[in-house]
Amino acid sequence: MKKRSEWEIYLDILDSLSENGSMKKTSIMHDVHMSWKPFNNHFGFLNENGFITESDYGYNVTDKGKETLKNLRQIKKTLENNEY
C-alpha cells in the first residue's frame, strides 16, 4: 500500500466524519487505519483550525471542513485522472 500524503490523511479523516456522521475519536482513527500518535497530530490540526468540532455525541465536520473536503476530493480526482 502506498504511503498517504498529508492532504490525503486530512481527506480521509474529513471523509470518514462526513460519511459516518458524529463519531468518537478512536472510531475515526480505526476507520482511517492509523495509529494513535500520527492520527492525533492530524486530528489536532483539523480541530484547532476549525475543520471539525466536538459535540455531545462526538466530532463533526464544520462548514469550513465540508468546503475543504469538497476541494480535496476534487484535487484527488484531478490527480488520479492525470496519473501515467
PDB file of N, CA and C in Angstrom:
ATOM      1  N   MET A   1       0.834  -1.183   0.000  1.00  0.00           N
ATOM      2  CA  MET A   1       0.000   0.000   0.000  1.00  0.00           C
ATOM      3  C   MET A   1       0.877   1.245   0.000  1.00  0.00           C
ATOM      4  N   LYS A   2       0.531   2.197  -0.833  1.00  0.00           N
ATOM      5  CA  LYS A   2       1.260   3.448  -0.954  1.00  0.00           C
ATOM      6  C   LYS A   2       1.057   4.316   0.292  1.00  0.00           C
ATOM      7  N   LYS A   3       2.126   4.962   0.732  1.00  0.00           N
ATOM      8  CA  LYS A   3       2.042   5.865   1.867  1.00  0.00           C
ATOM      9  C   LYS A   3       1.203   7.087   1.489  1.00  0.00           C
ATOM     10  N   ARG A   4       0.299   7.475   2.378  1.00  0.00           N
ATOM     11  CA  ARG A   4      -0.560   8.635   2.128  1.00  0.00           C
ATOM     12  C   ARG A   4       0.184   9.934   2.407  1.00  0.00           C
ATOM     13  N   SER A   5      -0.117  10.928   1.609  1.00  0.00           N
ATOM     14  CA  SER A   5       0.434  12.263   1.847  1.00  0.00           C
ATOM     15  C   SER A   5      -0.375  12.931   2.965  1.00  0.00           C
ATOM     16  N   GLU A   6       0.118  14.062   3.435  1.00  0.00           N
ATOM     17  CA  GLU A   6      -0.579  14.806   4.491  1.00  0.00           C
ATOM     18  C   GLU A   6      -2.011  15.134   4.079  1.00  0.00           C
ATOM     19  N   TRP A   7      -2.166  15.669   2.873  1.00  0.00           N
ATOM     20  CA  TRP A   7      -3.510  16.084   2.454  1.00  0.00           C
ATOM     21  C   TRP A   7      -4.433  14.885   2.285  1.00  0.00           C
ATOM     22  N   GLU A   8      -3.885  13.726   1.913  1.00  0.00           N
ATOM     23  CA  GLU A   8      -4.718  12.523   1.785  1.00  0.00           C
ATOM     24  C   GLU A   8      -5.201  12.043   3.157  1.00  0.00           C
ATOM     25  N   ILE A   9      -4.378  12.227   4.168  1.00  0.00           N
ATOM     26  CA  ILE A   9      -4.790  11.868   5.528  1.00  0.00           C
ATOM     27  C   ILE A   9      -5.908  12.796   5.987  1.00  0.00           C
ATOM     28  N   TYR A  10      -5.750  14.102   5.745  1.00  0.00           N
ATOM     29  CA  TYR A  10      -6.816  15.045   6.096  1.00  0.00           C
ATOM     30  C   TYR A  10      -8.101  14.698   5.344  1.00  0.00           C
ATOM     31  N   LEU A  11      -7.971  14.361   4.079  1.00  0.00           N
ATOM     32  CA  LEU A  11      -9.126  13.957   3.273  1.00  0.00           C
ATOM     33  C   LEU A  11      -9.803  12.741   3.892  1.00  0.00           C
ATOM     34  N   ASP A  12      -9.031  11.741   4.268  1.00  0.00           N
ATOM     35  CA  ASP A  12      -9.604  10.521   4.834  1.00  0.00           C
ATOM     36  C   ASP A  12     -10.335  10.788   6.154  1.00  0.00           C
ATOM     37  N   ILE A  13      -9.760  11.619   7.003  1.00  0.00           N
ATOM     38  CA  ILE A  13     -10.400  11.934   8.287  1.00  0.00           C
ATOM     39  C   ILE A  13     -11.704  12.695   8.053  1.00  0.00           C
ATOM     40  N   LEU A  14     -11.655  13.729   7.219  1.00  0.00           N
ATOM     41  CA  LEU A  14     -12.867  14.504   6.927  1.00  0.00           C
ATOM     42  C   LEU A  14     -13.915  13.643   6.234  1.00  0.00           C
ATOM     43  N   ASP A  15     -13.467  12.802   5.326  1.00  0.00           N
ATOM     44  CA  ASP A  15     -14.371  11.918   4.595  1.00  0.00           C
ATOM     45  C   ASP A  15     -15.062  10.937   5.549  1.00  0.00           C
ATOM     46  N   SER A  16     -14.320  10.384   6.467  1.00  0.00           N
ATOM     47  CA  SER A  16     -14.881   9.447   7.442  1.00  0.00           C
ATOM     48  C   SER A  16     -15.976  10.113   8.268  1.00  0.00           C
ATOM     49  N   LEU A  17     -15.689  11.299   8.763  1.00  0.00           N
ATOM     50  CA  LEU A  17     -16.679  12.027   9.558  1.00  0.00           C
ATOM     51  C   LEU A  17     -17.884  12.439   8.722  1.00  0.00           C
ATOM     52  N   SER A  18     -17.636  12.850   7.506  1.00  0.00           N
ATOM     53  CA  SER A  18     -18.717  13.281   6.626  1.00  0.00           C
ATOM     54  C   SER A  18     -19.663  12.126   6.303  1.00  0.00           C
ATOM     55  N   GLU A  19     -19.105  10.971   6.028  1.00  0.00           N
ATOM     56  CA  GLU A  19     -19.913   9.808   5.647  1.00  0.00           C
ATOM     57  C   GLU A  19     -20.604   9.148   6.835  1.00  0.00           C
ATOM     58  N   ASN A  20     -19.963   9.160   8.000  1.00  0.00           N
ATOM     59  CA  ASN A  20     -20.491   8.433   9.155  1.00  0.00           C
ATOM     60  C   ASN A  20     -21.225   9.301  10.162  1.00  0.00           C
ATOM     61  N   GLY A  21     -21.160  10.612  10.014  1.00  0.00           N
ATOM     62  CA  GLY A  21     -21.785  11.488  10.998  1.00  0.00           C
ATOM     63  C   GLY A  21     -20.924  11.597  12.241  1.00  0.00           C
ATOM     64  N   SER A  22     -21.527  11.991  13.329  1.00  0.00           N
ATOM     65  CA  SER A  22     -20.815  12.206  14.579  1.00  0.00           C
ATOM     66  C   SER A  22     -20.120  10.925  15.040  1.00  0.00           C
ATOM     67  N   MET A  23     -18.817  11.047  15.334  1.00  0.00           N
ATOM     68  CA  MET A  23     -18.020   9.881  15.730  1.00  0.00           C
ATOM     69  C   MET A  23     -17.070  10.247  16.863  1.00  0.00           C
ATOM     70  N   LYS A  24     -16.735   9.260  17.659  1.00  0.00           N
ATOM     71  CA  LYS A  24     -15.714   9.417  18.690  1.00  0.00           C
ATOM     72  C   LYS A  24     -14.336   9.328  18.026  1.00  0.00           C
ATOM     73  N   LYS A  25     -13.363   9.900  18.697  1.00  0.00           N
ATOM     74  CA  LYS A  25     -12.006   9.977  18.158  1.00  0.00           C
ATOM     75  C   LYS A  25     -11.429   8.608  17.792  1.00  0.00           C
ATOM     76  N   THR A  26     -11.561   7.634  18.674  1.00  0.00           N
ATOM     77  CA  THR A  26     -10.982   6.315  18.396  1.00  0.00           C
ATOM     78  C   THR A  26     -11.678   5.622  17.226  1.00  0.00           C
ATOM     79  N   SER A  27     -12.969   5.861  17.065  1.00  0.00           N
ATOM     80  CA  SER A  27     -13.696   5.272  15.925  1.00  0.00           C
ATOM     81  C   SER A  27     -13.186   5.839  14.609  1.00  0.00           C
ATOM     82  N   ILE A  28     -12.912   7.134  14.602  1.00  0.00           N
ATOM     83  CA  ILE A  28     -12.370   7.774  13.397  1.00  0.00           C
ATOM     84  C   ILE A  28     -10.991   7.195  13.104  1.00  0.00           C
ATOM     85  N   MET A  29     -10.167   7.085  14.140  1.00  0.00           N
ATOM     86  CA  MET A  29      -8.812   6.560  13.988  1.00  0.00           C
ATOM     87  C   MET A  29      -8.831   5.168  13.356  1.00  0.00           C
ATOM     88  N   HIS A  30      -9.706   4.307  13.843  1.00  0.00           N
ATOM     89  CA  HIS A  30      -9.812   2.955  13.283  1.00  0.00           C
ATOM     90  C   HIS A  30     -10.331   2.993  11.849  1.00  0.00           C
ATOM     91  N   ASP A  31     -11.278   3.870  11.582  1.00  0.00           N
ATOM     92  CA  ASP A  31     -11.868   3.952  10.248  1.00  0.00           C
ATOM     93  C   ASP A  31     -10.848   4.379   9.191  1.00  0.00           C
ATOM     94  N   VAL A  32      -9.900   5.232   9.579  1.00  0.00           N
ATOM     95  CA  VAL A  32      -8.896   5.713   8.621  1.00  0.00           C
ATOM     96  C   VAL A  32      -7.588   4.920   8.699  1.00  0.00           C
ATOM     97  N   HIS A  33      -7.586   3.861   9.507  1.00  0.00           N
ATOM     98  CA  HIS A  33      -6.450   2.925   9.600  1.00  0.00           C
ATOM     99  C   HIS A  33      -5.139   3.622   9.961  1.00  0.00           C
ATOM    100  N   MET A  34      -5.160   4.292  11.115  1.00  0.00           N
ATOM    101  CA  MET A  34      -3.957   4.972  11.590  1.00  0.00           C
ATOM    102  C   MET A  34      -3.678   4.579  13.031  1.00  0.00           C
ATOM    103  N   SER A  35      -2.417   4.701  13.423  1.00  0.00           N
ATOM    104  CA  SER A  35      -2.061   4.518  14.824  1.00  0.00           C
ATOM    105  C   SER A  35      -2.304   5.841  15.556  1.00  0.00           C
ATOM    106  N   TRP A  36      -2.318   5.768  16.883  1.00  0.00           N
ATOM    107  CA  TRP A  36      -2.770   6.894  17.685  1.00  0.00           C
ATOM    108  C   TRP A  36      -1.945   8.174  17.501  1.00  0.00           C
ATOM    109  N   LYS A  37      -0.631   8.100  17.625  1.00  0.00           N
ATOM    110  CA  LYS A  37       0.180   9.326  17.613  1.00  0.00           C
ATOM    111  C   LYS A  37       0.066  10.096  16.294  1.00  0.00           C
ATOM    112  N   PRO A  38       0.267   9.463  15.131  1.00  0.00           N
ATOM    113  CA  PRO A  38       0.112  10.226  13.884  1.00  0.00           C
ATOM    114  C   PRO A  38      -1.326  10.715  13.681  1.00  0.00           C
ATOM    115  N   PHE A  39      -2.283   9.878  14.043  1.00  0.00           N
ATOM    116  CA  PHE A  39      -3.681  10.295  13.912  1.00  0.00           C
ATOM    117  C   PHE A  39      -3.950  11.521  14.769  1.00  0.00           C
ATOM    118  N   ASN A  40      -3.500  11.485  16.004  1.00  0.00           N
ATOM    119  CA  ASN A  40      -3.761  12.578  16.936  1.00  0.00           C
ATOM    120  C   ASN A  40      -3.162  13.893  16.444  1.00  0.00           C
ATOM    121  N   ASN A  41      -1.997  13.840  15.808  1.00  0.00           N
ATOM    122  CA  ASN A  41      -1.383  15.051  15.251  1.00  0.00           C
ATOM    123  C   ASN A  41      -2.248  15.641  14.142  1.00  0.00           C
ATOM    124  N   HIS A  42      -2.695  14.810  13.224  1.00  0.00           N
ATOM    125  CA  HIS A  42      -3.521  15.287  12.112  1.00  0.00           C
ATOM    126  C   HIS A  42      -4.902  15.726  12.596  1.00  0.00           C
ATOM    127  N   PHE A  43      -5.471  14.960  13.499  1.00  0.00           N
ATOM    128  CA  PHE A  43      -6.778  15.277  14.055  1.00  0.00           C
ATOM    129  C   PHE A  43      -6.725  16.610  14.803  1.00  0.00           C
ATOM    130  N   GLY A  44      -5.665  16.803  15.580  1.00  0.00           N
ATOM    131  CA  GLY A  44      -5.489  18.053  16.320  1.00  0.00           C
ATOM    132  C   GLY A  44      -5.433  19.255  15.397  1.00  0.00           C
ATOM    133  N   PHE A  45      -4.726  19.119  14.279  1.00  0.00           N
ATOM    134  CA  PHE A  45      -4.655  20.207  13.304  1.00  0.00           C
ATOM    135  C   PHE A  45      -6.047  20.563  12.795  1.00  0.00           C
ATOM    136  N   LEU A  46      -6.818  19.544  12.420  1.00  0.00           N
ATOM    137  CA  LEU A  46      -8.169  19.786  11.897  1.00  0.00           C
ATOM    138  C   LEU A  46      -9.067  20.430  12.948  1.00  0.00           C
ATOM    139  N   ASN A  47      -8.943  19.989  14.177  1.00  0.00           N
ATOM    140  CA  ASN A  47      -9.765  20.519  15.263  1.00  0.00           C
ATOM    141  C   ASN A  47      -9.373  21.955  15.612  1.00  0.00           C
ATOM    142  N   GLU A  48      -8.083  22.203  15.760  1.00  0.00           N
ATOM    143  CA  GLU A  48      -7.586  23.527  16.143  1.00  0.00           C
ATOM    144  C   GLU A  48      -7.852  24.583  15.077  1.00  0.00           C
ATOM    145  N   ASN A  49      -7.965  24.163  13.830  1.00  0.00           N
ATOM    146  CA  ASN A  49      -8.156  25.118  12.738  1.00  0.00           C
ATOM    147  C   ASN A  49      -9.594  25.191  12.233  1.00  0.00           C
ATOM    148  N   GLY A  50     -10.521  24.615  12.982  1.00  0.00           N
ATOM    149  CA  GLY A  50     -11.939  24.793  12.697  1.00  0.00           C
ATOM    150  C   GLY A  50     -12.518  23.949  11.577  1.00  0.00           C
ATOM    151  N   PHE A  51     -11.841  22.858  11.203  1.00  0.00           N
ATOM    152  CA  PHE A  51     -12.369  21.971  10.167  1.00  0.00           C
ATOM    153  C   PHE A  51     -13.326  20.937  10.756  1.00  0.00           C
ATOM    154  N   ILE A  52     -13.136  20.634  12.042  1.00  0.00           N
ATOM    155  CA  ILE A  52     -14.030  19.729  12.761  1.00  0.00           C
ATOM    156  C   ILE A  52     -14.340  20.350  14.119  1.00  0.00           C
ATOM    157  N   THR A  53     -15.414  19.893  14.731  1.00  0.00           N
ATOM    158  CA  THR A  53     -15.796  20.412  16.044  1.00  0.00           C
ATOM    159  C   THR A  53     -16.346  19.283  16.900  1.00  0.00           C
ATOM    160  N   GLU A  54     -16.212  19.439  18.205  1.00  0.00           N
ATOM    161  CA  GLU A  54     -16.707  18.420  19.127  1.00  0.00           C
ATOM    162  C   GLU A  54     -18.124  18.757  19.564  1.00  0.00           C
ATOM    163  N   SER A  55     -18.969  17.737  19.641  1.00  0.00           N
ATOM    164  CA  SER A  55     -20.330  17.894  20.151  1.00  0.00           C
ATOM    165  C   SER A  55     -20.532  16.891  21.286  1.00  0.00           C
ATOM    166  N   ASP A  56     -21.737  16.824  21.807  1.00  0.00           N
ATOM    167  CA  ASP A  56     -22.041  15.873  22.881  1.00  0.00           C
ATOM    168  C   ASP A  56     -21.886  14.428  22.433  1.00  0.00           C
ATOM    169  N   TYR A  57     -22.021  14.184  21.139  1.00  0.00           N
ATOM    170  CA  TYR A  57     -22.024  12.820  20.613  1.00  0.00           C
ATOM    171  C   TYR A  57     -20.725  12.419  19.927  1.00  0.00           C
ATOM    172  N   GLY A  58     -19.781  13.314  19.841  1.00  0.00           N
ATOM    173  CA  GLY A  58     -18.517  13.031  19.173  1.00  0.00           C
ATOM    174  C   GLY A  58     -18.067  14.234  18.364  1.00  0.00           C
ATOM    175  N   TYR A  59     -17.392  13.975  17.269  1.00  0.00           N
ATOM    176  CA  TYR A  59     -16.871  15.038  16.411  1.00  0.00           C
ATOM    177  C   TYR A  59     -17.645  15.085  15.106  1.00  0.00           C
ATOM    178  N   ASN A  60     -17.744  16.301  14.553  1.00  0.00           N
ATOM    179  CA  ASN A  60     -18.462  16.529  13.302  1.00  0.00           C
ATOM    180  C   ASN A  60     -17.651  17.454  12.408  1.00  0.00           C
ATOM    181  N   VAL A  61     -17.934  17.415  11.120  1.00  0.00           N
ATOM    182  CA  VAL A  61     -17.287  18.302  10.153  1.00  0.00           C
ATOM    183  C   VAL A  61     -18.009  19.649  10.175  1.00  0.00           C
ATOM    184  N   THR A  62     -17.250  20.734  10.234  1.00  0.00           N
ATOM    185  CA  THR A  62     -17.825  22.079  10.182  1.00  0.00           C
ATOM    186  C   THR A  62     -18.069  22.479   8.726  1.00  0.00           C
ATOM    187  N   ASP A  63     -18.695  23.632   8.518  1.00  0.00           N
ATOM    188  CA  ASP A  63     -18.889  24.134   7.152  1.00  0.00           C
ATOM    189  C   ASP A  63     -17.543  24.349   6.463  1.00  0.00           C
ATOM    190  N   LYS A  64     -16.579  24.871   7.211  1.00  0.00           N
ATOM    191  CA  LYS A  64     -15.224  25.054   6.672  1.00  0.00           C
ATOM    192  C   LYS A  64     -14.634  23.704   6.271  1.00  0.00           C
ATOM    193  N   GLY A  65     -14.847  22.688   7.095  1.00  0.00           N
ATOM    194  CA  GLY A  65     -14.365  21.344   6.799  1.00  0.00           C
ATOM    195  C   GLY A  65     -15.045  20.739   5.587  1.00  0.00           C
ATOM    196  N   LYS A  66     -16.345  20.995   5.437  1.00  0.00           N
ATOM    197  CA  LYS A  66     -17.091  20.476   4.281  1.00  0.00           C
ATOM    198  C   LYS A  66     -16.582  21.095   2.983  1.00  0.00           C
ATOM    199  N   GLU A  67     -16.308  22.382   3.017  1.00  0.00           N
ATOM    200  CA  GLU A  67     -15.780  23.060   1.828  1.00  0.00           C
ATOM    201  C   GLU A  67     -14.386  22.530   1.495  1.00  0.00           C
ATOM    202  N   THR A  68     -13.567  22.342   2.511  1.00  0.00           N
ATOM    203  CA  THR A  68     -12.223  21.797   2.311  1.00  0.00           C
ATOM    204  C   THR A  68     -12.291  20.374   1.784  1.00  0.00           C
ATOM    205  N   LEU A  69     -13.194  19.573   2.316  1.00  0.00           N
ATOM    206  CA  LEU A  69     -13.373  18.198   1.850  1.00  0.00           C
ATOM    207  C   LEU A  69     -13.755  18.179   0.376  1.00  0.00           C
ATOM    208  N   LYS A  70     -14.649  19.058  -0.008  1.00  0.00           N
ATOM    209  CA  LYS A  70     -15.054  19.162  -1.418  1.00  0.00           C
ATOM    210  C   LYS A  70     -13.843  19.470  -2.300  1.00  0.00           C
ATOM    211  N   ASN A  71     -13.012  20.405  -1.861  1.00  0.00           N
ATOM    212  CA  ASN A  71     -11.816  20.780  -2.625  1.00  0.00           C
ATOM    213  C   ASN A  71     -10.796  19.643  -2.679  1.00  0.00           C
ATOM    214  N   LEU A  72     -10.589  18.958  -1.563  1.00  0.00           N
ATOM    215  CA  LEU A  72      -9.635  17.844  -1.537  1.00  0.00           C
ATOM    216  C   LEU A  72     -10.099  16.690  -2.421  1.00  0.00           C
ATOM    217  N   ARG A  73     -11.392  16.437  -2.433  1.00  0.00           N
ATOM    218  CA  ARG A  73     -11.924  15.388  -3.318  1.00  0.00           C
ATOM    219  C   ARG A  73     -11.673  15.739  -4.784  1.00  0.00           C
ATOM    220  N   GLN A  74     -11.839  17.019  -5.115  1.00  0.00           N
ATOM    221  CA  GLN A  74     -11.606  17.458  -6.495  1.00  0.00           C
ATOM    222  C   GLN A  74     -10.127  17.321  -6.860  1.00  0.00           C
ATOM    223  N   ILE A  75      -9.255  17.682  -5.943  1.00  0.00           N
ATOM    224  CA  ILE A  75      -7.816  17.534  -6.181  1.00  0.00           C
ATOM    225  C   ILE A  75      -7.469  16.064  -6.404  1.00  0.00           C
ATOM    226  N   LYS A  76      -7.994  15.192  -5.560  1.00  0.00           N
ATOM    227  CA  LYS A  76      -7.724  13.757  -5.692  1.00  0.00           C
ATOM    228  C   LYS A  76      -8.208  13.244  -7.044  1.00  0.00           C
ATOM    229  N   LYS A  77      -9.394  13.650  -7.435  1.00  0.00           N
ATOM    230  CA  LYS A  77      -9.961  13.224  -8.720  1.00  0.00           C
ATOM    231  C   LYS A  77      -9.091  13.707  -9.879  1.00  0.00           C
ATOM    232  N   THR A  78      -8.668  14.948  -9.819  1.00  0.00           N
ATOM    233  CA  THR A  78      -7.818  15.516 -10.866  1.00  0.00           C
ATOM    234  C   THR A  78      -6.495  14.768 -10.962  1.00  0.00           C
ATOM    235  N   LEU A  79      -5.871  14.511  -9.822  1.00  0.00           N
ATOM    236  CA  LEU A  79      -4.586  13.810  -9.816  1.00  0.00           C
ATOM    237  C   LEU A  79      -4.724  12.375 -10.306  1.00  0.00           C
ATOM    238  N   GLU A  80      -5.785  11.698  -9.931  1.00  0.00           N
ATOM    239  CA  GLU A  80      -5.993  10.320 -10.376  1.00  0.00           C
ATOM    240  C   GLU A  80      -6.219  10.247 -11.880  1.00  0.00           C
ATOM    241  N   ASN A  81      -6.867  11.239 -12.443  1.00  0.00           N
ATOM    242  CA  ASN A  81      -7.119  11.264 -13.885  1.00  0.00           C
ATOM    243  C   ASN A  81      -5.869  11.577 -14.693  1.00  0.00           C
ATOM    244  N   ASN A  82      -4.850  12.133 -14.043  1.00  0.00           N
ATOM    245  CA  ASN A  82      -3.632  12.526 -14.752  1.00  0.00           C
ATOM    246  C   ASN A  82      -2.442  11.624 -14.458  1.00  0.00           C
ATOM    247  N   GLU A  83      -2.664  10.502 -13.765  1.00  0.00           N
ATOM    248  CA  GLU A  83      -1.554   9.579 -13.498  1.00  0.00           C
ATOM    249  C   GLU A  83      -1.167   8.860 -14.775  1.00  0.00           C
ATOM    250  N   TYR A  84       0.108   8.534 -14.873  1.00  0.00           N
ATOM    251  CA  TYR A  84       0.613   7.870 -16.079  1.00  0.00           C
ATOM    252  C   TYR A  84       0.606   6.384 -15.901  1.00  0.00           C
TER     253      TYR A  84
END
